[in-house]
Amino acid sequence: MKSLNANAPFRWVSLMMMSACFFSMHIPLSATAQTAIVKGLPDFTELVEQVGPSVVNIRTLEKVRAPGMNGNGMDDETQDLLRRFFGIPIPNTPNTPNAPKQAPRQGRTPVPEESQPRGVGSGFVLTSDGYILTNAHVVEGADEVLVTLTDKREFKAKLIGADKRTDVAVVKIQATGLPAVKVGDVSRLKVGEWVMAIGSPFGLDNSVTAGIVSAKQRDTGDYLPFIQTDVAINPGNSGGPLINMRGEVVGINSQIYSRSGGFMGISFAIPMDEAMRVSEQLRSNGRVTRGRIGVQIEPVSKELAESIGLSKAQGALINRIEPGAPADKAGLEAGDVILKIDGKPIEKSVDLPRLVGNTKPGTKSNLTVFRRGTTKEMGIVIAELEPEKTAKRSADADEKPKVSASVQGLGLVVTEMSDAQKAELKMKGGVRIESVQEPAAKAGLREGDVILAVGNHEVTQMKEFEAAITKIDKNNPVSVLFRRGELTRFALIRPIR
């Protein structure tokens, strides 16, 4: 027994050696397979040298009025804050008994406007004569746009046009001989392919990050099938280029999926073919024209397709037709399923608004429609979609909303929503974000978002917002329920103490 036990380790070693010899006979096959898979990590240095000079930093400024001081040394907003929230009477104001009368507001000396930083983003040179592509949300609401090149030259840019539906904007600087990017073919882009981004995250100019294409044709909007990547994108990267390994720009970095406001491994880029289509219209006309047929649609489920006799779940199901719209005039009915437009298949319902939107208004198109078990062809004349509001801030929007010190601690400036805005968004109430700074920007909030609740307190108007602000605990994150477009979500703001 002792002898057997003593030899046991030797036998185990011998077995391992035999196994090694057995597997060694398969090395040529395994090595070949491994060589096909492992090709080494890419080197991005040449790409950075090639494309880096074409990437620009974009800073935006807005003009604000310096607060007018009264005889007591306080500005109007501070006085109003003390009166409303603390009930403190202010000496030398019209609300105080026996106070000396002040001159009417309209008689005061005009207070000069000052330019203050509003935001930081990225962009890239589209043409050598100074046209630059970026995101619409980077320049939206700005009174002044400043572009800084990699050689540190700075230019004041002119906004040529912005399209909020696709989040694409074009600005122009007075310069020539600029290094323009090469535009790539998005159809050649493959899932798993290496890509690189250059931008100014958190204001850090010309930062380079890399990753792979995670998915294509990602549906996150009516007009854009986004490119999804795992490239690190953060605030300030917006508007910068997404670059393939051939040094070609294939997308504009635009959005991230985040619960914290920072990068979480999922980012989205606007496909360059869509961006170029929009930019060409912006450069020619200053705005984008889109087609419409006047229908509301929904997806066709597998169960519905089987029940109505469709071979597979495809097309766009019409659930409402606007009276007098092109669809109404063409004889379409609620319950019809649009399968094709001008021979192009509608695989998913979101394909229809994209294809119609990209059709020039006035064009006579042909629809393939499935109705009650049969397929028929119908002609329709595409109408023009109503132009969106310009991204430029209205010139008469001089009055800034009154905000409390607590709101300043959150980095928010908000204003009451007009009846027109409520009607446009089909909302009963809320307050609209006019501008954001840290820490609200870090939480993912941005201008144009509509706040619906603060700390579980519903907000339908400014008074409710101000009341909710007084109840928050500055020592803890503040939950804010907000709406952006058709989506409603939460953000957590960590107040500045």
Protein backbone atom coordinates (compact mmCIF):
# COMPACT_ATOMS: atom_id res chain seq x y z
CA MET A 1 0.00 0.00 0.00
CA LYS A 2 2.76 2.39 0.83
CA SER A 3 4.52 1.57 -2.40
CA LEU A 4 1.30 2.14 -4.35
CA ASN A 5 0.72 5.44 -2.68
CA ALA A 6 4.29 6.47 -3.27
CA ASN A 7 3.97 5.82 -6.97
CA ALA A 8 0.58 7.52 -7.28
CA PRO A 9 2.01 10.99 -7.90
CA PHE A 10 4.28 9.61 -10.59
CA ARG A 11 1.38 8.00 -12.39
CA TRP A 12 -0.53 11.30 -12.24
CA VAL A 13 2.41 13.13 -13.76
CA SER A 14 2.72 10.45 -16.44
CA LEU A 15 -0.94 10.83 -17.25
CA MET A 16 -0.50 14.58 -17.60
CA MET A 17 2.46 14.05 -19.92
CA MET A 18 0.48 11.63 -22.04
CA SER A 19 -2.39 14.13 -22.20
CA ALA A 20 0.02 16.84 -23.22
CA CYS A 21 1.41 14.61 -25.97
CA PHE A 22 -2.11 13.80 -27.16
CA PHE A 23 -3.12 17.43 -27.35
CA SER A 24 0.15 18.37 -29.00
CA MET A 25 -0.98 16.50 -32.09
CA HIS A 26 -3.83 19.03 -32.43
CA ILE A 27 -1.70 22.18 -32.03
CA PRO A 28 -1.53 23.09 -35.74
CA LEU A 29 -5.35 23.18 -35.99
CA SER A 30 -5.83 25.10 -32.72
CA ALA A 31 -3.11 27.58 -33.55
CA THR A 32 -4.70 28.27 -36.91
CA ALA A 33 -8.08 28.95 -35.32
CA GLN A 34 -6.49 31.12 -32.66
CA THR A 35 -4.56 33.11 -35.24
CA ALA A 36 -7.81 33.80 -37.11
CA ILE A 37 -9.37 35.20 -33.94
CA VAL A 38 -6.52 37.09 -32.29
CA LYS A 39 -5.17 39.80 -34.59
CA GLY A 40 -3.78 42.17 -32.00
CA LEU A 41 -5.11 45.48 -30.73
CA PRO A 42 -5.35 48.42 -33.14
CA ASP A 43 -2.99 51.37 -33.06
CA PHE A 44 -4.89 54.67 -33.16
CA THR A 45 -1.90 57.01 -33.26
CA GLU A 46 -1.96 57.57 -37.02
CA LEU A 47 -5.72 58.17 -36.95
CA VAL A 48 -5.32 60.81 -34.24
CA GLU A 49 -2.63 62.58 -36.26
CA GLN A 50 -4.80 62.39 -39.37
CA VAL A 51 -8.20 63.44 -38.00
CA GLY A 52 -7.26 65.32 -34.82
CA PRO A 53 -6.61 68.71 -36.51
CA SER A 54 -10.15 68.63 -37.96
CA VAL A 55 -11.82 68.41 -34.53
CA VAL A 56 -12.78 71.68 -32.83
CA ASN A 57 -13.87 72.81 -29.41
CA ILE A 58 -17.14 74.74 -29.25
CA ARG A 59 -18.00 77.12 -26.43
CA THR A 60 -21.34 78.88 -26.20
CA LEU A 61 -22.18 82.10 -24.39
CA GLU A 62 -25.44 83.74 -23.41
CA LYS A 63 -26.12 87.36 -22.52
CA VAL A 64 -27.59 88.01 -19.09
CA ARG A 65 -28.52 91.24 -17.41
CA ALA A 66 -26.48 92.17 -14.37
CA PRO A 67 -28.95 92.42 -11.44
CA GLY A 68 -30.05 96.00 -10.81
CA MET A 69 -29.26 97.21 -7.26
CA ASN A 70 -31.71 99.26 -5.22
CA GLY A 71 -31.00 101.81 -2.52
CA ASN A 72 -30.68 99.10 0.13
CA GLY A 73 -27.83 97.37 -1.72
CA MET A 74 -29.94 94.36 -2.74
CA ASP A 75 -31.04 93.35 -6.18
CA ASP A 76 -34.70 92.80 -7.06
CA GLU A 77 -34.45 89.01 -7.01
CA THR A 78 -32.95 88.94 -3.50
CA GLN A 79 -35.67 91.24 -2.19
CA ASP A 80 -38.41 89.17 -3.75
CA LEU A 81 -36.86 85.98 -2.33
CA LEU A 82 -36.74 87.37 1.23
CA ARG A 83 -40.30 88.67 1.04
CA ARG A 84 -41.84 85.47 -0.34
CA PHE A 85 -39.96 82.78 1.53
CA PHE A 86 -39.08 84.43 4.85
CA GLY A 87 -41.61 87.22 5.23
CA ILE A 88 -38.87 89.75 5.93
CA PRO A 89 -39.87 93.36 5.14
CA ILE A 90 -37.18 95.17 3.21
CA PRO A 91 -36.42 98.80 4.05
CA ASN A 92 -36.43 101.39 1.31
CA THR A 93 -38.76 99.38 -0.91
CA PRO A 94 -42.25 100.30 -2.07
CA ASN A 95 -43.70 97.47 0.09
CA THR A 96 -42.42 99.01 3.33
CA PRO A 97 -44.68 101.57 5.10
CA ASN A 98 -43.39 105.16 4.94
CA ALA A 99 -40.66 104.11 2.57
CA PRO A 100 -39.54 106.81 0.15
CA LYS A 101 -40.96 106.27 -3.30
CA GLN A 102 -38.60 104.98 -5.93
CA ALA A 103 -38.55 105.90 -9.56
CA PRO A 104 -40.69 103.67 -11.79
CA ARG A 105 -38.91 100.56 -13.10
CA GLN A 106 -39.12 101.75 -16.67
CA GLY A 107 -37.32 104.97 -15.73
CA ARG A 108 -34.20 103.24 -14.44
CA THR A 109 -30.93 103.31 -16.25
CA PRO A 110 -30.73 100.21 -18.48
CA VAL A 111 -28.57 97.51 -16.97
CA PRO A 112 -25.83 96.34 -19.35
CA GLU A 113 -25.80 92.75 -20.55
CA GLU A 114 -22.89 90.46 -19.80
CA SER A 115 -21.82 87.33 -21.67
CA GLN A 116 -21.58 84.27 -19.48
CA PRO A 117 -20.42 80.75 -20.36
CA ARG A 118 -23.32 78.49 -21.25
CA GLY A 119 -21.84 75.18 -22.36
CA VAL A 120 -19.00 73.30 -24.00
CA GLY A 121 -19.19 70.85 -26.88
CA SER A 122 -17.30 69.56 -29.88
CA GLY A 123 -17.50 69.70 -33.65
CA PHE A 124 -15.48 68.96 -36.76
CA VAL A 125 -14.53 70.72 -39.97
CA LEU A 126 -16.80 69.70 -42.82
CA THR A 127 -15.28 71.90 -45.53
CA SER A 128 -11.98 73.72 -45.81
CA ASP A 129 -13.74 77.10 -46.08
CA GLY A 130 -15.09 76.97 -42.52
CA TYR A 131 -18.31 74.96 -42.35
CA ILE A 132 -18.41 72.95 -39.12
CA LEU A 133 -20.77 70.17 -38.10
CA THR A 134 -21.97 69.69 -34.52
CA ASN A 135 -25.09 68.83 -32.49
CA ALA A 136 -28.11 71.12 -32.40
CA HIS A 137 -28.29 70.85 -28.61
CA VAL A 138 -24.72 72.17 -28.35
CA VAL A 139 -25.64 75.53 -29.91
CA GLU A 140 -29.32 75.73 -28.95
CA GLY A 141 -30.20 78.95 -27.12
CA ALA A 142 -26.71 80.42 -27.48
CA ASP A 143 -26.21 84.13 -28.12
CA GLU A 144 -22.62 83.60 -29.18
CA VAL A 145 -20.71 80.55 -30.47
CA LEU A 146 -16.92 80.39 -30.20
CA VAL A 147 -14.87 77.81 -32.10
CA THR A 148 -11.32 76.93 -31.08
CA LEU A 149 -9.06 75.00 -33.46
CA THR A 150 -6.28 72.62 -32.39
CA ASP A 151 -3.72 75.33 -33.24
CA LYS A 152 -5.43 77.51 -30.56
CA ARG A 153 -6.93 79.97 -33.04
CA GLU A 154 -10.38 81.08 -31.90
CA PHE A 155 -13.22 82.29 -34.12
CA LYS A 156 -16.68 83.66 -33.53
CA ALA A 157 -19.02 81.35 -35.46
CA LYS A 158 -22.27 82.06 -37.25
CA LEU A 159 -25.14 79.61 -36.83
CA ILE A 160 -26.14 78.54 -40.34
CA GLY A 161 -28.97 76.29 -39.19
CA ALA A 162 -29.97 73.66 -36.65
CA ASP A 163 -32.37 70.73 -36.85
CA LYS A 164 -33.59 69.58 -33.45
CA ARG A 165 -35.35 66.50 -34.83
CA THR A 166 -32.03 64.97 -35.86
CA ASP A 167 -29.86 67.00 -33.45
CA VAL A 168 -27.64 68.26 -36.27
CA ALA A 169 -26.35 71.83 -36.62
CA VAL A 170 -24.01 73.68 -38.98
CA VAL A 171 -21.93 76.72 -37.98
CA LYS A 172 -19.54 78.77 -40.11
CA ILE A 173 -16.27 80.50 -39.26
CA GLN A 174 -14.34 82.95 -41.40
CA ALA A 175 -11.30 80.83 -42.23
CA THR A 176 -9.83 79.03 -45.22
CA GLY A 177 -7.47 76.13 -45.77
CA LEU A 178 -8.87 74.16 -42.86
CA PRO A 179 -8.29 70.40 -42.63
CA ALA A 180 -11.67 68.86 -43.53
CA VAL A 181 -12.65 65.36 -42.50
CA LYS A 182 -13.26 62.46 -44.86
CA VAL A 183 -16.85 61.20 -44.77
CA GLY A 184 -17.20 57.43 -44.57
CA ASP A 185 -19.78 55.03 -45.97
CA VAL A 186 -22.02 54.02 -43.07
CA SER A 187 -23.33 51.01 -45.00
CA ARG A 188 -19.85 49.46 -44.76
CA LEU A 189 -19.76 49.84 -40.98
CA LYS A 190 -19.98 46.48 -39.20
CA VAL A 191 -20.98 45.53 -35.68
CA GLY A 192 -17.81 44.72 -33.74
CA GLU A 193 -15.68 47.10 -35.80
CA TRP A 194 -13.21 49.35 -33.96
CA VAL A 195 -14.11 53.05 -33.86
CA MET A 196 -12.62 56.13 -32.20
CA ALA A 197 -14.02 59.41 -30.86
CA ILE A 198 -12.31 62.78 -30.40
CA GLY A 199 -13.92 65.57 -28.41
CA SER A 200 -13.86 67.78 -25.34
CA PRO A 201 -15.39 65.82 -22.44
CA PHE A 202 -15.80 68.12 -19.43
CA GLY A 203 -13.90 70.76 -21.41
CA LEU A 204 -10.76 68.62 -21.84
CA ASP A 205 -9.87 69.47 -25.44
CA ASN A 206 -8.89 66.80 -27.98
CA SER A 207 -9.50 63.80 -25.75
CA VAL A 208 -9.36 60.48 -27.61
CA THR A 209 -11.44 57.42 -26.67
CA ALA A 210 -12.01 54.17 -28.52
CA GLY A 211 -14.28 51.14 -28.58
CA ILE A 212 -16.34 49.04 -30.96
CA VAL A 213 -19.66 49.33 -32.76
CA SER A 214 -22.21 47.64 -30.48
CA ALA A 215 -25.22 47.83 -32.82
CA LYS A 216 -26.56 49.57 -35.90
CA GLN A 217 -30.01 50.90 -36.72
CA ARG A 218 -30.79 51.39 -33.03
CA ASP A 219 -34.26 52.88 -32.79
CA THR A 220 -34.29 55.81 -30.37
CA GLY A 221 -36.12 58.42 -32.42
CA ASP A 222 -38.52 58.99 -35.32
CA TYR A 223 -35.94 60.17 -37.82
CA LEU A 224 -32.68 58.57 -36.73
CA PRO A 225 -31.46 54.97 -36.64
CA PHE A 226 -28.49 55.52 -34.29
CA ILE A 227 -25.12 53.79 -34.22
CA GLN A 228 -24.57 52.31 -30.76
CA THR A 229 -21.00 52.02 -29.47
CA ASP A 230 -19.15 51.42 -26.21
CA VAL A 231 -16.82 54.37 -26.86
CA ALA A 232 -16.52 56.52 -23.73
CA ILE A 233 -18.67 59.61 -24.35
CA ASN A 234 -19.27 62.27 -21.68
CA PRO A 235 -20.66 65.83 -21.51
CA GLY A 236 -18.56 67.88 -23.92
CA ASN A 237 -18.11 65.05 -26.43
CA SER A 238 -21.41 66.02 -28.07
CA GLY A 239 -20.93 67.02 -31.69
CA GLY A 240 -17.55 65.33 -32.08
CA PRO A 241 -16.78 62.75 -34.77
CA LEU A 242 -17.01 58.97 -34.60
CA ILE A 243 -14.13 57.68 -36.75
CA ASN A 244 -13.49 54.28 -38.34
CA MET A 245 -10.09 52.64 -38.77
CA ARG A 246 -9.74 54.19 -42.25
CA GLY A 247 -9.80 57.68 -40.75
CA GLU A 248 -13.31 58.39 -42.03
CA VAL A 249 -16.08 60.01 -40.02
CA VAL A 250 -19.06 57.66 -39.81
CA GLY A 251 -21.12 59.44 -37.15
CA ILE A 252 -21.64 62.40 -34.83
CA ASN A 253 -21.48 61.52 -31.13
CA SER A 254 -24.78 62.71 -29.73
CA GLN A 255 -26.24 60.81 -26.77
CA ILE A 256 -25.46 58.42 -23.96
CA TYR A 257 -27.58 56.05 -21.93
CA SER A 258 -26.96 56.91 -18.30
CA ARG A 259 -28.58 56.71 -14.89
CA SER A 260 -25.92 58.88 -13.30
CA GLY A 261 -25.22 61.50 -15.96
CA GLY A 262 -21.84 59.92 -16.76
CA PHE A 263 -20.73 57.26 -19.22
CA MET A 264 -22.10 53.76 -18.56
CA GLY A 265 -20.84 51.88 -21.61
CA ILE A 266 -23.63 52.78 -24.04
CA SER A 267 -23.37 55.75 -26.39
CA PHE A 268 -25.13 56.73 -29.59
CA ALA A 269 -23.95 58.47 -32.74
CA ILE A 270 -25.90 60.02 -35.59
CA PRO A 271 -25.09 58.11 -38.81
CA MET A 272 -23.07 60.29 -41.14
CA ASP A 273 -25.27 59.67 -44.17
CA GLU A 274 -28.26 61.08 -42.25
CA ALA A 275 -26.16 63.97 -40.92
CA MET A 276 -24.91 64.88 -44.40
CA ARG A 277 -28.44 64.86 -45.80
CA VAL A 278 -29.52 67.29 -43.09
CA SER A 279 -26.40 69.47 -43.29
CA GLU A 280 -26.80 69.96 -47.03
CA GLN A 281 -30.31 71.34 -46.52
CA LEU A 282 -29.15 73.54 -43.65
CA ARG A 283 -26.36 75.00 -45.78
CA SER A 284 -28.71 75.58 -48.72
CA ASN A 285 -31.87 76.76 -46.97
CA GLY A 286 -31.04 77.25 -43.31
CA ARG A 287 -33.66 74.66 -42.37
CA VAL A 288 -34.77 71.13 -43.18
CA THR A 289 -37.95 70.31 -45.08
CA ARG A 290 -39.60 66.94 -44.48
CA GLY A 291 -42.53 65.10 -45.91
CA ARG A 292 -45.65 64.02 -44.06
CA ILE A 293 -48.84 62.11 -44.89
CA GLY A 294 -50.86 62.82 -41.74
CA VAL A 295 -51.23 59.47 -39.99
CA GLN A 296 -50.62 58.09 -36.53
CA ILE A 297 -49.14 54.61 -36.56
CA GLU A 298 -48.18 51.73 -34.30
CA PRO A 299 -46.15 48.53 -34.71
CA VAL A 300 -47.65 45.33 -36.12
CA SER A 301 -47.28 42.56 -33.53
CA LYS A 302 -46.87 38.90 -34.41
CA GLU A 303 -50.28 38.11 -32.95
CA LEU A 304 -51.95 40.89 -34.96
CA ALA A 305 -50.21 39.82 -38.18
CA GLU A 306 -51.49 36.27 -37.73
CA SER A 307 -55.00 37.43 -36.93
CA ILE A 308 -55.36 39.63 -40.03
CA GLY A 309 -53.58 37.28 -42.43
CA LEU A 310 -50.20 38.98 -42.86
CA SER A 311 -47.37 36.55 -43.61
CA LYS A 312 -45.14 38.16 -40.96
CA ALA A 313 -45.08 41.05 -38.49
CA GLN A 314 -44.16 43.99 -40.73
CA GLY A 315 -45.38 47.38 -41.83
CA ALA A 316 -46.96 50.32 -40.03
CA LEU A 317 -50.51 50.02 -38.72
CA ILE A 318 -52.58 53.20 -39.10
CA ASN A 319 -54.64 54.00 -36.01
CA ARG A 320 -55.63 57.57 -36.89
CA ILE A 321 -55.82 59.76 -39.98
CA GLU A 322 -55.83 63.55 -39.81
CA PRO A 323 -58.84 65.04 -41.60
CA GLY A 324 -57.80 66.68 -44.87
CA ALA A 325 -54.26 65.27 -44.71
CA PRO A 326 -52.66 63.54 -47.72
CA ALA A 327 -53.55 60.12 -46.30
CA ASP A 328 -57.19 61.16 -46.01
CA LYS A 329 -57.25 62.47 -49.58
CA ALA A 330 -55.58 59.29 -50.84
CA GLY A 331 -58.32 57.11 -49.34
CA LEU A 332 -56.30 55.45 -46.57
CA GLU A 333 -58.27 54.14 -43.60
CA ALA A 334 -57.59 53.41 -39.97
CA GLY A 335 -56.66 49.75 -39.74
CA ASP A 336 -54.66 49.76 -42.98
CA VAL A 337 -51.12 48.45 -42.80
CA ILE A 338 -48.59 50.29 -44.98
CA LEU A 339 -46.10 47.72 -46.27
CA LYS A 340 -44.06 49.75 -48.77
CA ILE A 341 -43.50 53.28 -49.99
CA ASP A 342 -42.13 53.67 -53.51
CA GLY A 343 -41.08 50.02 -53.41
CA LYS A 344 -39.07 50.39 -50.19
CA PRO A 345 -40.26 47.90 -47.56
CA ILE A 346 -41.51 49.02 -44.16
CA GLU A 347 -39.99 46.34 -41.94
CA LYS A 348 -40.79 48.23 -38.72
CA SER A 349 -43.30 50.99 -38.08
CA VAL A 350 -40.50 53.51 -37.39
CA ASP A 351 -39.30 53.06 -40.98
CA LEU A 352 -42.36 54.90 -42.32
CA PRO A 353 -41.77 58.37 -40.80
CA ARG A 354 -38.12 58.18 -41.83
CA LEU A 355 -38.88 57.31 -45.43
CA VAL A 356 -41.74 59.81 -45.69
CA GLY A 357 -39.69 62.46 -43.92
CA ASN A 358 -36.85 62.03 -46.41
CA THR A 359 -39.25 62.44 -49.36
CA LYS A 360 -39.44 65.91 -50.90
CA PRO A 361 -42.80 67.61 -50.25
CA GLY A 362 -44.97 67.64 -53.38
CA THR A 363 -43.70 64.27 -54.56
CA LYS A 364 -46.30 61.78 -55.76
CA SER A 365 -45.47 58.48 -54.11
CA ASN A 366 -46.90 54.98 -54.28
CA LEU A 367 -47.97 53.04 -51.18
CA THR A 368 -48.43 49.30 -50.88
CA VAL A 369 -51.25 48.80 -48.38
CA PHE A 370 -52.68 45.70 -46.73
CA ARG A 371 -56.42 46.06 -46.05
CA ARG A 372 -58.76 43.32 -44.83
CA GLY A 373 -56.82 40.43 -46.28
CA THR A 374 -55.80 41.96 -49.60
CA THR A 375 -52.89 44.07 -50.83
CA LYS A 376 -53.47 47.15 -52.98
CA GLU A 377 -51.46 49.99 -54.48
CA MET A 378 -52.44 53.59 -53.69
CA GLY A 379 -51.03 56.91 -54.87
CA ILE A 380 -50.40 59.76 -52.43
CA VAL A 381 -48.95 63.29 -52.64
CA ILE A 382 -46.47 64.02 -49.86
CA ALA A 383 -47.10 67.24 -47.91
CA GLU A 384 -44.58 69.27 -45.94
CA LEU A 385 -44.10 68.73 -42.24
CA GLU A 386 -44.52 71.93 -40.25
CA PRO A 387 -41.14 73.62 -39.68
CA GLU A 388 -39.75 73.23 -36.20
CA LYS A 389 -38.92 76.17 -34.04
CA THR A 390 -35.45 77.57 -34.57
CA ALA A 391 -32.77 76.62 -32.13
CA LYS A 392 -31.86 80.28 -31.70
CA ARG A 393 -33.17 81.88 -28.52
CA SER A 394 -35.95 84.37 -29.10
CA ALA A 395 -34.79 87.96 -29.06
CA ASP A 396 -37.63 89.05 -26.78
CA ALA A 397 -36.76 86.47 -24.14
CA ASP A 398 -34.97 89.07 -22.05
CA GLU A 399 -36.81 88.53 -18.78
CA LYS A 400 -35.05 85.84 -16.80
CA PRO A 401 -37.18 83.74 -14.46
CA LYS A 402 -36.82 84.46 -10.77
CA VAL A 403 -35.13 81.56 -9.02
CA SER A 404 -34.25 80.87 -5.41
CA ALA A 405 -30.80 80.32 -3.98
CA SER A 406 -31.66 76.61 -3.62
CA VAL A 407 -32.26 76.39 -7.38
CA GLN A 408 -28.86 77.95 -7.95
CA GLY A 409 -27.45 75.18 -5.76
CA LEU A 410 -28.99 72.65 -8.13
CA GLY A 411 -27.60 74.39 -11.21
CA LEU A 412 -31.04 75.05 -12.71
CA VAL A 413 -32.76 78.03 -14.27
CA VAL A 414 -36.43 77.33 -14.99
CA THR A 415 -39.41 79.23 -16.32
CA GLU A 416 -43.16 78.86 -16.55
CA MET A 417 -44.45 77.02 -19.61
CA SER A 418 -46.65 78.98 -21.98
CA ASP A 419 -50.03 77.68 -23.09
CA ALA A 420 -48.59 77.18 -26.57
CA GLN A 421 -45.76 75.05 -25.23
CA LYS A 422 -48.18 72.96 -23.18
CA ALA A 423 -50.37 72.44 -26.22
CA GLU A 424 -47.41 71.54 -28.42
CA LEU A 425 -46.16 68.95 -25.93
CA LYS A 426 -49.69 67.83 -24.98
CA MET A 427 -48.97 68.45 -21.30
CA LYS A 428 -51.07 69.92 -18.51
CA GLY A 429 -48.16 71.57 -16.78
CA GLY A 430 -44.58 71.56 -15.61
CA VAL A 431 -41.69 74.04 -15.66
CA ARG A 432 -39.24 74.27 -18.53
CA ILE A 433 -35.48 74.27 -18.00
CA GLU A 434 -33.96 77.40 -19.50
CA SER A 435 -30.33 76.53 -18.77
CA VAL A 436 -28.29 74.06 -16.75
CA GLN A 437 -24.96 74.13 -14.99
CA GLU A 438 -23.27 71.80 -12.54
CA PRO A 439 -24.62 69.75 -10.84
CA ALA A 440 -27.84 69.51 -12.93
CA ALA A 441 -25.81 69.07 -16.12
CA LYS A 442 -23.84 66.27 -14.50
CA ALA A 443 -27.12 64.54 -13.65
CA GLY A 444 -28.02 64.52 -17.36
CA LEU A 445 -30.54 67.38 -17.46
CA ARG A 446 -30.41 69.87 -20.30
CA GLU A 447 -32.19 72.91 -21.68
CA GLY A 448 -35.69 72.24 -22.95
CA ASP A 449 -36.43 69.43 -20.50
CA VAL A 450 -39.71 69.82 -18.62
CA ILE A 451 -39.64 69.16 -14.86
CA LEU A 452 -42.74 67.31 -13.64
CA ALA A 453 -41.79 66.62 -10.00
CA VAL A 454 -39.07 67.46 -7.49
CA GLY A 455 -38.48 65.12 -4.57
CA ASN A 456 -41.86 63.39 -5.08
CA HIS A 457 -43.67 66.76 -5.11
CA GLU A 458 -45.69 67.26 -8.30
CA VAL A 459 -44.84 70.39 -10.27
CA THR A 460 -47.34 71.92 -12.68
CA GLN A 461 -46.34 75.59 -12.34
CA MET A 462 -43.63 77.83 -10.91
CA LYS A 463 -45.28 78.24 -7.50
CA GLU A 464 -45.29 74.48 -6.94
CA PHE A 465 -41.71 74.24 -8.13
CA GLU A 466 -40.58 76.94 -5.72
CA ALA A 467 -42.48 75.27 -2.88
CA ALA A 468 -40.89 71.90 -3.65
CA ILE A 469 -37.42 73.46 -3.71
CA THR A 470 -37.83 74.77 -0.15
CA LYS A 471 -38.51 71.22 1.08
CA ILE A 472 -35.42 69.50 -0.32
CA ASP A 473 -32.54 68.31 1.82
CA LYS A 474 -29.28 69.72 0.47
CA ASN A 475 -27.35 66.90 2.14
CA ASN A 476 -28.96 64.22 -0.04
CA PRO A 477 -29.44 63.73 -3.79
CA VAL A 478 -32.63 65.30 -5.13
CA SER A 479 -34.81 63.21 -7.43
CA VAL A 480 -36.21 65.13 -10.41
CA LEU A 481 -38.86 63.63 -12.68
CA PHE A 482 -38.58 65.21 -16.12
CA ARG A 483 -39.77 64.78 -19.67
CA ARG A 484 -37.62 65.00 -22.80
CA GLY A 485 -39.49 64.60 -26.05
CA GLU A 486 -41.82 61.66 -25.58
CA LEU A 487 -39.78 60.06 -22.79
CA THR A 488 -40.20 60.60 -19.05
CA ARG A 489 -37.38 59.66 -16.70
CA PHE A 490 -35.71 60.43 -13.37
CA ALA A 491 -32.46 62.29 -12.66
CA LEU A 492 -30.61 62.51 -9.35
CA ILE A 493 -29.04 65.90 -8.64
CA ARG A 494 -26.44 66.20 -5.91
CA PRO A 495 -26.74 69.80 -4.66
CA ILE A 496 -23.74 72.06 -4.20
CA ARG A 497 -23.46 72.86 -0.51
